[in-house]
Amino acid sequence: MELKDQIIRLIKEDAEFRKALTELLGLFDINVTINDLKEILKGILDTVNKLAEAQRKSEERLSKLEENMALLAEAQKRTEEKIAELVEAQKRTEERLSKLEEAQRKSEEKIAELAEAQRKSEERLSKLEENMALLAEAQKRLFEKVEEMDKDIKRLDKTLSNLGNRWGVSYEYLIRNFFAEVLKQEGIDVNYLNRFTYKDDSGTYGLKGTIYEIDILAKDSKVYLIEVKSRGERDDIEWFNIKCEVLSKVFNFKNTIKMFLAVSVDNQAIKRAEELGIKLIYGEIYEVDQAKT
């Protein structure tokens, strides 16, 4: 209403304003009455009010538009922040991907190295298997040779035994004389060896009727229990040890020294003699297959 009052006041008080307004409205008739002007003014006021309402609505729309623009700007800001976060996340993803690719590359290199090592191991294993096959073949030939030698020794033993019988002496006697010099170095004179024999008629120490026989020499408060053979095997060593124990009990021998002399012995006889505390004197060693014992 303030604008309307101002316009009415100007029309009443300001002639120039009335003239300008009349010209503006195309009213050149100076005889226009106040009522006419009021009608005209009313129309103007209606128009002004409509324009003011339109302006108000425009301002409301503009305010709403400004609010929407602010919201849009805020949304744009958040979008840009989200994009920045996505860019950073993408960067981190690419870095992780790069690390994974590097780890994959190293893994592939390691696998390649392992594959190469496996190939070399297989080559070495194949060569080792070949060598083992050759060794097994050589071992087989060696066993065959040992068996032949064993047969030859047995034939030689038999031949010498037959010769000894022809000459009126035993084979054991020949072997004992063969070791005479060795026993002499031990301070033992074979001429003073005595053959002790015990038959276990009651089976006190073993199988009933078993005969235990051994050479014995007493010297310097010690009792030497001696066995002389052409060859010594594990069973021979163990049987000699049994005879020593039985005769020591039967004749109450104290402070005994067990000695076993042989022209040839096998590797197992040497080990068993050490375990039983027997002094083993021998000329040569031959190997025995562990699987056959």
Protein backbone atom coordinates (compact mmCIF):
# COMPACT_ATOMS: atom_id res chain seq x y z
CA MET A 1 0.00 0.00 0.00
CA GLU A 2 2.97 2.34 0.42
CA LEU A 3 3.54 2.46 -3.33
CA LYS A 4 -0.16 3.16 -3.99
CA ASP A 5 -0.20 6.06 -1.49
CA GLN A 6 2.90 7.57 -3.05
CA ILE A 7 1.39 7.43 -6.54
CA ILE A 8 -1.89 9.02 -5.34
CA ARG A 9 0.04 11.74 -3.53
CA LEU A 10 2.09 12.54 -6.65
CA ILE A 11 -1.01 12.76 -8.81
CA LYS A 12 -2.63 15.19 -6.39
CA GLU A 13 0.37 17.35 -5.66
CA ASP A 14 2.68 17.10 -8.68
CA ALA A 15 1.31 18.57 -11.94
CA GLU A 16 4.34 17.45 -13.96
CA PHE A 17 3.85 13.92 -12.76
CA ARG A 18 0.17 14.07 -13.74
CA LYS A 19 1.16 15.35 -17.19
CA ALA A 20 3.80 12.70 -17.69
CA LEU A 21 1.43 10.06 -16.54
CA THR A 22 -1.28 11.31 -18.86
CA GLU A 23 1.11 11.31 -21.81
CA LEU A 24 2.27 7.91 -20.87
CA LEU A 25 -1.23 6.58 -20.87
CA GLY A 26 -2.09 8.43 -24.14
CA LEU A 27 -4.58 10.67 -22.39
CA PHE A 28 -4.14 14.16 -23.75
CA ASP A 29 -7.53 15.32 -22.76
CA ILE A 30 -6.95 17.74 -19.89
CA ASN A 31 -10.56 17.35 -19.00
CA VAL A 32 -9.99 13.86 -17.64
CA THR A 33 -11.60 13.64 -14.29
CA ILE A 34 -10.14 12.44 -11.10
CA ASN A 35 -12.43 9.43 -11.22
CA ASP A 36 -11.03 8.53 -14.58
CA LEU A 37 -7.53 8.84 -13.20
CA LYS A 38 -8.50 6.75 -10.26
CA GLU A 39 -9.70 4.02 -12.59
CA ILE A 40 -6.55 4.31 -14.59
CA LEU A 41 -4.50 4.30 -11.43
CA LYS A 42 -6.36 1.28 -10.19
CA GLY A 43 -5.49 -0.55 -13.38
CA ILE A 44 -1.90 0.57 -12.97
CA LEU A 45 -1.88 -0.57 -9.36
CA ASP A 46 -3.33 -3.92 -10.36
CA THR A 47 -0.64 -4.23 -12.95
CA VAL A 48 2.00 -3.14 -10.44
CA ASN A 49 0.65 -5.59 -7.88
CA LYS A 50 0.78 -8.36 -10.45
CA LEU A 51 4.28 -7.32 -11.35
CA ALA A 52 5.18 -7.21 -7.64
CA GLU A 53 3.68 -10.68 -7.15
CA ALA A 54 5.51 -11.90 -10.18
CA GLN A 55 8.68 -10.30 -8.80
CA ARG A 56 8.08 -11.95 -5.44
CA LYS A 57 7.58 -15.30 -7.07
CA SER A 58 10.63 -14.69 -9.21
CA GLU A 59 12.60 -13.87 -6.07
CA GLU A 60 11.24 -17.00 -4.39
CA ARG A 61 12.17 -19.04 -7.41
CA LEU A 62 15.52 -17.29 -7.49
CA SER A 63 16.02 -18.00 -3.76
CA LYS A 64 15.02 -21.59 -4.31
CA LEU A 65 17.28 -21.68 -7.32
CA GLU A 66 20.10 -20.22 -5.24
CA GLU A 67 19.38 -22.85 -2.55
CA ASN A 68 19.35 -25.56 -5.21
CA MET A 69 22.55 -24.12 -6.63
CA ALA A 70 24.07 -24.20 -3.14
CA LEU A 71 22.91 -27.78 -2.72
CA LEU A 72 24.19 -28.54 -6.18
CA ALA A 73 27.51 -26.91 -5.33
CA GLU A 74 27.68 -28.93 -2.10
CA ALA A 75 26.77 -32.05 -4.03
CA GLN A 76 29.36 -31.11 -6.62
CA LYS A 77 31.91 -30.66 -3.84
CA ARG A 78 31.05 -34.02 -2.35
CA THR A 79 31.17 -35.54 -5.83
CA GLU A 80 34.61 -34.05 -6.40
CA GLU A 81 35.74 -35.33 -2.99
CA LYS A 82 34.30 -38.74 -3.83
CA ILE A 83 36.06 -38.62 -7.20
CA ALA A 84 39.28 -37.67 -5.41
CA GLU A 85 38.77 -40.61 -3.05
CA LEU A 86 38.09 -42.87 -6.00
CA VAL A 87 41.21 -41.58 -7.74
CA GLU A 88 43.23 -42.25 -4.58
CA ALA A 89 41.62 -45.67 -4.21
CA GLN A 90 42.39 -46.39 -7.85
CA LYS A 91 45.97 -45.32 -7.23
CA ARG A 92 46.22 -47.63 -4.25
CA THR A 93 44.59 -50.42 -6.27
CA GLU A 94 47.12 -49.94 -9.05
CA GLU A 95 49.94 -49.96 -6.50
CA ARG A 96 48.60 -53.18 -4.96
CA LEU A 97 48.15 -54.62 -8.43
CA SER A 98 51.73 -53.68 -9.27
CA LYS A 99 52.91 -55.38 -6.09
CA LEU A 100 50.86 -58.47 -6.90
CA GLU A 101 52.25 -58.52 -10.43
CA GLU A 102 55.76 -58.22 -9.00
CA ALA A 103 55.05 -61.00 -6.51
CA GLN A 104 53.62 -63.09 -9.34
CA ARG A 105 56.72 -62.46 -11.41
CA LYS A 106 58.98 -63.46 -8.53
CA SER A 107 56.85 -66.54 -7.90
CA GLU A 108 57.12 -67.53 -11.54
CA GLU A 109 60.89 -67.00 -11.39
CA LYS A 110 61.07 -69.10 -8.21
CA ILE A 111 58.96 -71.82 -9.79
CA ALA A 112 61.24 -71.76 -12.81
CA GLU A 113 64.26 -72.06 -10.50
CA LEU A 114 62.64 -74.94 -8.63
CA ALA A 115 61.76 -76.63 -11.90
CA GLU A 116 65.37 -76.28 -13.04
CA ALA A 117 66.62 -77.59 -9.69
CA GLN A 118 64.16 -80.49 -9.95
CA ARG A 119 65.39 -81.25 -13.45
CA LYS A 120 68.99 -81.26 -12.28
CA SER A 121 68.05 -83.41 -9.27
CA GLU A 122 66.31 -85.87 -11.57
CA GLU A 123 69.38 -85.95 -13.80
CA ARG A 124 71.61 -86.57 -10.77
CA LEU A 125 69.16 -89.19 -9.49
CA SER A 126 69.13 -90.92 -12.86
CA LYS A 127 72.93 -90.91 -12.92
CA LEU A 128 72.99 -92.15 -9.32
CA GLU A 129 70.57 -94.94 -10.23
CA GLU A 130 72.82 -95.87 -13.13
CA ASN A 131 75.84 -95.86 -10.84
CA MET A 132 73.94 -97.93 -8.27
CA ALA A 133 73.05 -100.42 -10.96
CA LEU A 134 76.70 -100.60 -11.99
CA LEU A 135 77.72 -100.90 -8.34
CA ALA A 136 75.17 -103.65 -7.76
CA GLU A 137 76.51 -105.48 -10.78
CA ALA A 138 80.07 -105.05 -9.56
CA GLN A 139 78.99 -106.18 -6.07
CA LYS A 140 77.34 -109.22 -7.59
CA ARG A 141 80.53 -110.08 -9.47
CA LEU A 142 82.50 -109.53 -6.26
CA PHE A 143 80.23 -111.88 -4.32
CA GLU A 144 80.58 -114.44 -7.07
CA LYS A 145 84.34 -114.00 -6.87
CA VAL A 146 84.28 -114.35 -3.09
CA GLU A 147 82.19 -117.48 -3.39
CA GLU A 148 84.70 -118.84 -5.89
CA MET A 149 87.53 -117.91 -3.54
CA ASP A 150 85.66 -119.53 -0.67
CA LYS A 151 85.31 -122.69 -2.69
CA ASP A 152 89.01 -122.48 -3.62
CA ILE A 153 89.98 -122.02 0.04
CA LYS A 154 87.84 -124.93 1.08
CA ARG A 155 89.41 -127.05 -1.66
CA LEU A 156 92.83 -125.86 -0.47
CA ASP A 157 91.92 -126.67 3.11
CA LYS A 158 90.86 -130.13 2.05
CA THR A 159 94.01 -130.59 -0.03
CA LEU A 160 96.29 -129.48 2.80
CA SER A 161 94.36 -131.64 5.23
CA ASN A 162 94.82 -134.62 2.96
CA LEU A 163 98.53 -133.83 2.60
CA GLY A 164 98.84 -133.54 6.36
CA ASN A 165 97.15 -136.87 6.82
CA ARG A 166 99.54 -138.43 4.31
CA TRP A 167 102.48 -136.99 6.22
CA GLY A 168 101.03 -138.18 9.51
CA VAL A 169 100.20 -134.70 10.87
CA SER A 170 96.87 -132.85 11.23
CA TYR A 171 95.94 -129.73 9.27
CA GLU A 172 95.39 -127.84 12.52
CA TYR A 173 98.92 -128.79 13.52
CA LEU A 174 100.27 -127.26 10.30
CA ILE A 175 98.27 -124.06 10.86
CA ARG A 176 99.43 -123.87 14.46
CA ASN A 177 103.04 -124.13 13.38
CA PHE A 178 102.27 -121.47 10.75
CA PHE A 179 101.35 -119.10 13.60
CA ALA A 180 104.21 -120.23 15.83
CA GLU A 181 106.23 -117.09 15.13
CA VAL A 182 103.22 -114.86 15.77
CA LEU A 183 102.52 -116.58 19.09
CA LYS A 184 106.18 -116.31 19.96
CA GLN A 185 105.90 -112.51 19.60
CA GLU A 186 103.02 -112.70 22.10
CA GLY A 187 105.32 -114.57 24.49
CA ILE A 188 103.68 -117.92 23.83
CA ASP A 189 105.61 -121.07 22.89
CA VAL A 190 103.42 -123.46 20.90
CA ASN A 191 105.36 -126.36 22.39
CA TYR A 192 103.76 -125.60 25.74
CA LEU A 193 100.21 -125.46 24.47
CA ASN A 194 97.96 -128.11 25.96
CA ARG A 195 94.77 -129.39 24.39
CA PHE A 196 91.92 -129.46 26.89
CA THR A 197 88.80 -131.45 26.09
CA TYR A 198 85.57 -131.64 28.02
CA LYS A 199 82.49 -133.69 27.15
CA ASP A 200 79.26 -132.47 28.70
CA ASP A 201 77.63 -135.85 29.29
CA SER A 202 74.89 -134.40 31.50
CA GLY A 203 74.08 -131.42 29.27
CA THR A 204 74.90 -128.96 32.06
CA TYR A 205 76.20 -126.24 29.74
CA GLY A 206 74.42 -127.06 26.52
CA LEU A 207 73.35 -129.94 24.36
CA LYS A 208 73.96 -133.24 26.11
CA GLY A 209 77.14 -134.95 24.88
CA THR A 210 78.67 -131.77 23.41
CA ILE A 211 82.49 -131.81 23.28
CA TYR A 212 84.36 -128.61 24.16
CA GLU A 213 88.01 -128.58 23.02
CA ILE A 214 90.57 -125.78 23.13
CA ASP A 215 94.32 -125.06 23.43
CA ILE A 216 95.32 -123.65 26.80
CA LEU A 217 98.52 -122.14 28.17
CA ALA A 218 99.01 -120.93 31.75
CA LYS A 219 101.67 -118.24 32.12
CA ASP A 220 102.38 -115.42 34.58
CA SER A 221 99.14 -115.97 36.51
CA LYS A 222 97.21 -115.71 33.24
CA VAL A 223 95.43 -118.42 31.31
CA TYR A 224 95.55 -118.14 27.51
CA LEU A 225 92.63 -119.79 25.72
CA ILE A 226 93.64 -120.26 22.10
CA GLU A 227 91.93 -121.42 18.92
CA VAL A 228 93.86 -121.87 15.64
CA LYS A 229 92.02 -122.28 12.33
CA SER A 230 92.66 -121.75 8.65
CA ARG A 231 89.73 -119.35 8.43
CA GLY A 232 87.43 -117.65 10.89
CA GLU A 233 83.80 -116.69 10.46
CA ARG A 234 81.27 -115.15 12.83
CA ASP A 235 79.95 -118.56 13.90
CA ASP A 236 83.51 -119.74 14.61
CA ILE A 237 84.13 -116.72 16.85
CA GLU A 238 80.88 -117.24 18.77
CA TRP A 239 81.50 -121.00 19.22
CA PHE A 240 85.04 -120.29 20.45
CA ASN A 241 83.66 -117.82 22.99
CA ILE A 242 81.15 -120.44 24.23
CA LYS A 243 83.94 -123.00 24.64
CA CYS A 244 86.02 -120.47 26.59
CA GLU A 245 83.13 -119.77 28.99
CA VAL A 246 82.29 -123.47 29.50
CA LEU A 247 85.91 -124.59 30.07
CA SER A 248 86.56 -121.61 32.36
CA LYS A 249 83.66 -122.77 34.54
CA VAL A 250 84.59 -126.47 34.36
CA PHE A 251 88.30 -125.96 35.22
CA ASN A 252 87.76 -122.78 37.28
CA PHE A 253 90.08 -120.67 35.10
CA LYS A 254 90.73 -117.12 36.31
CA ASN A 255 92.22 -114.10 34.56
CA THR A 256 91.74 -115.57 31.08
CA ILE A 257 92.88 -114.14 27.73
CA LYS A 258 90.98 -115.33 24.65
CA MET A 259 92.99 -115.53 21.40
CA PHE A 260 91.72 -116.65 17.99
CA LEU A 261 94.21 -117.14 15.13
CA ALA A 262 93.18 -117.63 11.48
CA VAL A 263 94.78 -117.38 8.07
CA SER A 264 91.72 -115.48 6.77
CA VAL A 265 88.64 -113.96 8.43
CA ASP A 266 85.53 -112.19 7.26
CA ASN A 267 84.51 -108.66 8.26
CA GLN A 268 81.74 -109.92 10.54
CA ALA A 269 84.14 -112.15 12.46
CA ILE A 270 86.33 -109.12 13.22
CA LYS A 271 83.37 -107.11 14.53
CA ARG A 272 82.06 -110.01 16.63
CA ALA A 273 85.51 -110.67 18.13
CA GLU A 274 85.71 -107.03 19.25
CA GLU A 275 82.25 -107.29 20.86
CA LEU A 276 83.20 -110.47 22.79
CA GLY A 277 86.65 -109.25 23.90
CA ILE A 278 88.55 -111.81 21.83
CA LYS A 279 92.02 -110.98 20.52
CA LEU A 280 91.86 -111.85 16.84
CA ILE A 281 95.05 -112.46 14.85
CA TYR A 282 94.63 -113.01 11.11
CA GLY A 283 96.36 -112.82 7.77
CA GLU A 284 93.72 -111.45 5.38
CA ILE A 285 90.11 -110.21 5.36
CA TYR A 286 87.31 -111.02 2.95
CA GLU A 287 83.90 -109.32 2.79
CA VAL A 288 80.63 -111.11 3.50
CA ASP A 289 77.26 -109.97 2.11
CA GLN A 290 75.20 -108.63 5.07
CA ALA A 291 71.94 -109.71 3.38
CA LYS A 292 73.07 -113.32 3.28
CA THR A 293 73.79 -113.50 7.03
